[in-house]
Amino acid sequence: MGGIHRWKEEEKMDPLTLLKEFGLPVAGVIALGWYVKTQNAWIQNELQTELRESFTRLEGILIKLIDAQKQMQMNQKEIMASYRAIVEILASLSGNGLKEKFVTRKRHRDDY
């Protein structure tokens, strides 16, 4: 059996003794484990922070777009109300039957 049983339990093995006893594969596994641990720490800390910042920025943009759309809808309603008022005023002032034509058409459109 290898050198595992040669050491007493209370003895500590330093890295050079490990390398002598178990060789390069164990040292490679230890190095790979250290690399994976540092990569996971980086992903959890810095990458998560960057993702959170990006999400917050995109959330702000989305909120601004929704606000702009709502403002445009309100402006569109104001424009349509002004247009209808102008049409009614012109129709009532013309006196040649346009009032009945436009007001009837407007009421018919509003029913939909």
N, C-alpha and C. Protein backbone atom coordinates (compact mmCIF):
# COMPACT_ATOMS: atom_id res chain seq x y z
N MET A 1 0.84 -1.16 0.00
CA MET A 1 0.00 0.00 0.00
C MET A 1 0.89 1.22 0.00
N GLY A 2 0.46 2.29 -0.65
CA GLY A 2 1.27 3.48 -0.84
C GLY A 2 1.65 4.15 0.46
N GLY A 3 2.01 5.36 0.36
CA GLY A 3 2.52 6.11 1.49
C GLY A 3 1.43 6.70 2.36
N ILE A 4 0.18 6.41 2.09
CA ILE A 4 -0.91 7.00 2.86
C ILE A 4 -0.83 6.55 4.32
N HIS A 5 -0.48 5.31 4.54
CA HIS A 5 -0.49 4.76 5.90
C HIS A 5 0.81 5.02 6.64
N ARG A 6 1.81 5.60 6.00
CA ARG A 6 3.08 5.84 6.68
C ARG A 6 3.02 6.98 7.67
N TRP A 7 2.15 7.95 7.44
CA TRP A 7 2.09 9.11 8.34
C TRP A 7 1.14 8.85 9.48
N LYS A 8 1.48 9.39 10.56
CA LYS A 8 0.57 9.33 11.70
C LYS A 8 -0.52 10.38 11.48
N GLU A 9 -1.63 10.17 12.14
CA GLU A 9 -2.76 11.07 11.93
C GLU A 9 -2.47 12.48 12.37
N GLU A 10 -1.67 12.67 13.41
CA GLU A 10 -1.41 14.02 13.88
C GLU A 10 -0.35 14.74 13.06
N GLU A 11 0.37 14.05 12.17
CA GLU A 11 1.36 14.71 11.32
C GLU A 11 0.66 15.49 10.23
N LYS A 12 1.21 16.66 9.90
CA LYS A 12 0.68 17.46 8.81
C LYS A 12 1.60 17.30 7.62
N MET A 13 1.00 17.24 6.42
CA MET A 13 1.81 17.11 5.22
C MET A 13 1.91 18.47 4.55
N ASP A 14 3.10 18.88 4.24
CA ASP A 14 3.29 20.12 3.52
C ASP A 14 3.14 19.85 2.02
N PRO A 15 2.99 20.90 1.22
CA PRO A 15 2.77 20.70 -0.23
C PRO A 15 3.89 19.93 -0.93
N LEU A 16 5.13 20.14 -0.53
CA LEU A 16 6.22 19.40 -1.18
C LEU A 16 6.16 17.91 -0.86
N THR A 17 5.80 17.56 0.35
CA THR A 17 5.66 16.16 0.71
C THR A 17 4.52 15.53 -0.07
N LEU A 18 3.41 16.26 -0.23
CA LEU A 18 2.29 15.76 -1.04
C LEU A 18 2.73 15.52 -2.47
N LEU A 19 3.48 16.47 -3.01
CA LEU A 19 3.95 16.34 -4.39
C LEU A 19 4.88 15.15 -4.55
N LYS A 20 5.77 14.94 -3.58
CA LYS A 20 6.68 13.79 -3.64
C LYS A 20 5.91 12.48 -3.54
N GLU A 21 4.96 12.45 -2.63
CA GLU A 21 4.26 11.21 -2.36
C GLU A 21 3.25 10.84 -3.45
N PHE A 22 2.45 11.81 -3.88
CA PHE A 22 1.36 11.50 -4.80
C PHE A 22 1.61 11.93 -6.23
N GLY A 23 2.54 12.81 -6.44
CA GLY A 23 2.93 13.16 -7.79
C GLY A 23 2.15 14.32 -8.40
N LEU A 24 2.40 14.48 -9.66
CA LEU A 24 1.85 15.59 -10.42
C LEU A 24 0.32 15.55 -10.57
N PRO A 25 -0.33 14.39 -10.72
CA PRO A 25 -1.79 14.40 -10.87
C PRO A 25 -2.51 15.04 -9.68
N VAL A 26 -2.06 14.76 -8.48
CA VAL A 26 -2.70 15.35 -7.31
C VAL A 26 -2.47 16.85 -7.28
N ALA A 27 -1.28 17.28 -7.62
CA ALA A 27 -1.00 18.72 -7.67
C ALA A 27 -1.87 19.40 -8.72
N GLY A 28 -2.09 18.72 -9.85
CA GLY A 28 -2.96 19.27 -10.89
C GLY A 28 -4.40 19.38 -10.43
N VAL A 29 -4.88 18.36 -9.70
CA VAL A 29 -6.24 18.40 -9.19
C VAL A 29 -6.40 19.53 -8.17
N ILE A 30 -5.40 19.70 -7.32
CA ILE A 30 -5.46 20.78 -6.33
C ILE A 30 -5.48 22.14 -7.03
N ALA A 31 -4.63 22.30 -8.04
CA ALA A 31 -4.59 23.57 -8.79
C ALA A 31 -5.92 23.81 -9.50
N LEU A 32 -6.49 22.77 -10.09
CA LEU A 32 -7.77 22.90 -10.77
C LEU A 32 -8.88 23.26 -9.78
N GLY A 33 -8.85 22.65 -8.61
CA GLY A 33 -9.83 22.99 -7.58
C GLY A 33 -9.73 24.43 -7.15
N TRP A 34 -8.49 24.92 -6.99
CA TRP A 34 -8.30 26.32 -6.63
C TRP A 34 -8.83 27.24 -7.74
N TYR A 35 -8.56 26.89 -9.00
CA TYR A 35 -9.03 27.68 -10.14
C TYR A 35 -10.56 27.73 -10.17
N VAL A 36 -11.21 26.60 -9.98
CA VAL A 36 -12.67 26.55 -10.00
C VAL A 36 -13.24 27.39 -8.84
N LYS A 37 -12.62 27.31 -7.69
CA LYS A 37 -13.08 28.09 -6.54
C LYS A 37 -12.98 29.59 -6.81
N THR A 38 -11.86 30.03 -7.38
CA THR A 38 -11.71 31.47 -7.67
C THR A 38 -12.66 31.91 -8.77
N GLN A 39 -12.89 31.07 -9.78
CA GLN A 39 -13.83 31.42 -10.85
C GLN A 39 -15.24 31.56 -10.30
N ASN A 40 -15.64 30.63 -9.45
CA ASN A 40 -16.98 30.71 -8.86
C ASN A 40 -17.13 31.96 -8.01
N ALA A 41 -16.10 32.29 -7.27
CA ALA A 41 -16.15 33.51 -6.45
C ALA A 41 -16.29 34.74 -7.34
N TRP A 42 -15.57 34.78 -8.46
CA TRP A 42 -15.66 35.90 -9.38
C TRP A 42 -17.06 35.99 -9.98
N ILE A 43 -17.59 34.84 -10.40
CA ILE A 43 -18.93 34.83 -11.00
C ILE A 43 -19.96 35.31 -10.00
N GLN A 44 -19.88 34.82 -8.78
CA GLN A 44 -20.87 35.19 -7.78
C GLN A 44 -20.77 36.65 -7.37
N ASN A 45 -19.58 37.19 -7.33
CA ASN A 45 -19.42 38.57 -6.86
C ASN A 45 -19.53 39.58 -7.97
N GLU A 46 -18.57 39.61 -8.86
CA GLU A 46 -18.50 40.68 -9.85
C GLU A 46 -19.52 40.54 -10.97
N LEU A 47 -19.69 39.34 -11.48
CA LEU A 47 -20.62 39.17 -12.58
C LEU A 47 -22.06 39.40 -12.13
N GLN A 48 -22.41 38.93 -10.95
CA GLN A 48 -23.76 39.18 -10.42
C GLN A 48 -24.00 40.67 -10.23
N THR A 49 -22.98 41.39 -9.76
CA THR A 49 -23.12 42.83 -9.58
C THR A 49 -23.33 43.52 -10.92
N GLU A 50 -22.57 43.14 -11.93
CA GLU A 50 -22.73 43.74 -13.26
C GLU A 50 -24.10 43.43 -13.84
N LEU A 51 -24.57 42.19 -13.66
CA LEU A 51 -25.90 41.83 -14.15
C LEU A 51 -26.99 42.63 -13.44
N ARG A 52 -26.84 42.83 -12.14
CA ARG A 52 -27.81 43.60 -11.39
C ARG A 52 -27.85 45.05 -11.89
N GLU A 53 -26.66 45.63 -12.14
CA GLU A 53 -26.60 47.01 -12.65
C GLU A 53 -27.24 47.11 -14.03
N SER A 54 -26.97 46.14 -14.89
CA SER A 54 -27.57 46.15 -16.23
C SER A 54 -29.09 46.03 -16.16
N PHE A 55 -29.56 45.16 -15.28
CA PHE A 55 -31.00 44.99 -15.13
C PHE A 55 -31.65 46.27 -14.65
N THR A 56 -31.02 46.94 -13.70
CA THR A 56 -31.57 48.19 -13.18
C THR A 56 -31.62 49.25 -14.27
N ARG A 57 -30.57 49.31 -15.10
CA ARG A 57 -30.54 50.27 -16.20
C ARG A 57 -31.65 49.97 -17.22
N LEU A 58 -31.81 48.70 -17.58
CA LEU A 58 -32.85 48.33 -18.54
C LEU A 58 -34.25 48.54 -17.97
N GLU A 59 -34.41 48.32 -16.68
CA GLU A 59 -35.69 48.55 -16.04
C GLU A 59 -36.05 50.04 -16.11
N GLY A 60 -35.07 50.91 -15.90
CA GLY A 60 -35.30 52.35 -16.00
C GLY A 60 -35.69 52.77 -17.41
N ILE A 61 -35.03 52.17 -18.41
CA ILE A 61 -35.37 52.48 -19.80
C ILE A 61 -36.79 52.04 -20.11
N LEU A 62 -37.17 50.86 -19.65
CA LEU A 62 -38.51 50.35 -19.89
C LEU A 62 -39.57 51.24 -19.24
N ILE A 63 -39.31 51.70 -18.05
CA ILE A 63 -40.25 52.58 -17.37
C ILE A 63 -40.41 53.89 -18.14
N LYS A 64 -39.29 54.43 -18.63
CA LYS A 64 -39.36 55.68 -19.41
C LYS A 64 -40.15 55.47 -20.70
N LEU A 65 -39.97 54.32 -21.36
CA LEU A 65 -40.72 54.04 -22.59
C LEU A 65 -42.21 53.93 -22.32
N ILE A 66 -42.58 53.28 -21.23
CA ILE A 66 -43.99 53.16 -20.88
C ILE A 66 -44.58 54.53 -20.58
N ASP A 67 -43.82 55.36 -19.87
CA ASP A 67 -44.29 56.73 -19.58
C ASP A 67 -44.48 57.53 -20.86
N ALA A 68 -43.53 57.40 -21.79
CA ALA A 68 -43.62 58.13 -23.06
C ALA A 68 -44.84 57.67 -23.86
N GLN A 69 -45.11 56.37 -23.87
CA GLN A 69 -46.26 55.86 -24.59
C GLN A 69 -47.57 56.38 -23.99
N LYS A 70 -47.64 56.40 -22.67
CA LYS A 70 -48.84 56.90 -22.00
C LYS A 70 -49.04 58.38 -22.31
N GLN A 71 -47.95 59.15 -22.31
CA GLN A 71 -48.03 60.58 -22.64
C GLN A 71 -48.52 60.77 -24.08
N MET A 72 -48.03 59.96 -24.99
CA MET A 72 -48.48 60.07 -26.39
C MET A 72 -49.96 59.73 -26.51
N GLN A 73 -50.43 58.75 -25.77
CA GLN A 73 -51.85 58.40 -25.81
C GLN A 73 -52.70 59.56 -25.30
N MET A 74 -52.25 60.20 -24.23
CA MET A 74 -52.99 61.33 -23.69
C MET A 74 -52.98 62.49 -24.68
N ASN A 75 -51.84 62.74 -25.33
CA ASN A 75 -51.77 63.81 -26.33
C ASN A 75 -52.68 63.50 -27.51
N GLN A 76 -52.73 62.24 -27.90
CA GLN A 76 -53.58 61.84 -29.03
C GLN A 76 -55.05 62.09 -28.70
N LYS A 77 -55.47 61.81 -27.48
CA LYS A 77 -56.85 62.06 -27.07
C LYS A 77 -57.15 63.55 -27.10
N GLU A 78 -56.19 64.37 -26.66
CA GLU A 78 -56.39 65.82 -26.68
C GLU A 78 -56.52 66.33 -28.11
N ILE A 79 -55.69 65.81 -28.99
CA ILE A 79 -55.74 66.22 -30.40
C ILE A 79 -57.07 65.83 -31.02
N MET A 80 -57.53 64.60 -30.74
CA MET A 80 -58.80 64.15 -31.29
C MET A 80 -59.96 65.00 -30.76
N ALA A 81 -59.91 65.36 -29.48
CA ALA A 81 -60.97 66.20 -28.91
C ALA A 81 -60.97 67.58 -29.57
N SER A 82 -59.79 68.13 -29.79
CA SER A 82 -59.70 69.44 -30.46
C SER A 82 -60.22 69.35 -31.89
N TYR A 83 -59.86 68.29 -32.58
CA TYR A 83 -60.31 68.09 -33.96
C TYR A 83 -61.84 68.00 -34.01
N ARG A 84 -62.41 67.24 -33.12
CA ARG A 84 -63.88 67.08 -33.12
C ARG A 84 -64.55 68.42 -32.81
N ALA A 85 -63.97 69.18 -31.88
CA ALA A 85 -64.55 70.48 -31.55
C ALA A 85 -64.50 71.42 -32.76
N ILE A 86 -63.39 71.43 -33.47
CA ILE A 86 -63.26 72.29 -34.66
C ILE A 86 -64.26 71.87 -35.73
N VAL A 87 -64.41 70.57 -35.94
CA VAL A 87 -65.36 70.08 -36.95
C VAL A 87 -66.78 70.50 -36.58
N GLU A 88 -67.14 70.37 -35.33
CA GLU A 88 -68.50 70.76 -34.90
C GLU A 88 -68.72 72.26 -35.06
N ILE A 89 -67.70 73.05 -34.72
CA ILE A 89 -67.84 74.51 -34.85
C ILE A 89 -68.00 74.89 -36.32
N LEU A 90 -67.15 74.33 -37.19
CA LEU A 90 -67.25 74.65 -38.62
C LEU A 90 -68.57 74.16 -39.20
N ALA A 91 -69.01 72.99 -38.78
CA ALA A 91 -70.27 72.46 -39.30
C ALA A 91 -71.44 73.33 -38.86
N SER A 92 -71.41 73.78 -37.61
CA SER A 92 -72.53 74.61 -37.13
C SER A 92 -72.51 75.99 -37.76
N LEU A 93 -71.34 76.49 -38.10
CA LEU A 93 -71.25 77.81 -38.71
C LEU A 93 -71.59 77.80 -40.21
N SER A 94 -71.43 76.67 -40.85
CA SER A 94 -71.64 76.64 -42.29
C SER A 94 -73.11 76.78 -42.66
N GLY A 95 -73.99 76.17 -41.91
CA GLY A 95 -75.42 76.33 -42.14
C GLY A 95 -75.94 75.65 -43.39
N ASN A 96 -75.17 74.85 -44.08
CA ASN A 96 -75.67 74.22 -45.31
C ASN A 96 -75.80 72.70 -45.16
N GLY A 97 -76.14 72.24 -43.99
CA GLY A 97 -76.37 70.81 -43.79
C GLY A 97 -75.14 70.03 -43.36
N LEU A 98 -74.00 70.69 -43.24
CA LEU A 98 -72.80 69.97 -42.82
C LEU A 98 -72.89 69.54 -41.36
N LYS A 99 -73.60 70.31 -40.57
CA LYS A 99 -73.69 69.97 -39.14
C LYS A 99 -74.29 68.58 -38.96
N GLU A 100 -75.41 68.33 -39.62
CA GLU A 100 -76.04 67.03 -39.48
C GLU A 100 -75.15 65.92 -40.02
N LYS A 101 -74.45 66.21 -41.12
CA LYS A 101 -73.59 65.20 -41.73
C LYS A 101 -72.41 64.84 -40.82
N PHE A 102 -71.69 65.84 -40.30
CA PHE A 102 -70.51 65.57 -39.47
C PHE A 102 -70.88 65.07 -38.08
N VAL A 103 -71.90 65.66 -37.48
CA VAL A 103 -72.28 65.25 -36.14
C VAL A 103 -72.82 63.83 -36.17
N THR A 104 -73.61 63.48 -37.20
CA THR A 104 -74.13 62.12 -37.32
C THR A 104 -72.99 61.15 -37.55
N ARG A 105 -72.04 61.50 -38.41
CA ARG A 105 -70.89 60.63 -38.66
C ARG A 105 -70.06 60.45 -37.39
N LYS A 106 -69.88 61.54 -36.64
CA LYS A 106 -69.10 61.47 -35.40
C LYS A 106 -69.77 60.55 -34.39
N ARG A 107 -71.08 60.70 -34.23
CA ARG A 107 -71.80 59.84 -33.29
C ARG A 107 -71.73 58.38 -33.73
N HIS A 108 -71.82 58.16 -35.03
CA HIS A 108 -71.74 56.81 -35.56
C HIS A 108 -70.36 56.19 -35.29
N ARG A 109 -69.28 56.96 -35.46
CA ARG A 109 -67.92 56.48 -35.18
C ARG A 109 -67.71 56.23 -33.70
N ASP A 110 -68.28 57.06 -32.84
CA ASP A 110 -68.11 56.90 -31.40
C ASP A 110 -68.79 55.66 -30.88
N ASP A 111 -69.79 55.18 -31.61
CA ASP A 111 -70.50 53.97 -31.18
C ASP A 111 -69.60 52.73 -31.28
N TYR A 112 -68.61 52.75 -32.14
CA TYR A 112 -67.74 51.57 -32.31
C TYR A 112 -66.78 51.49 -31.24
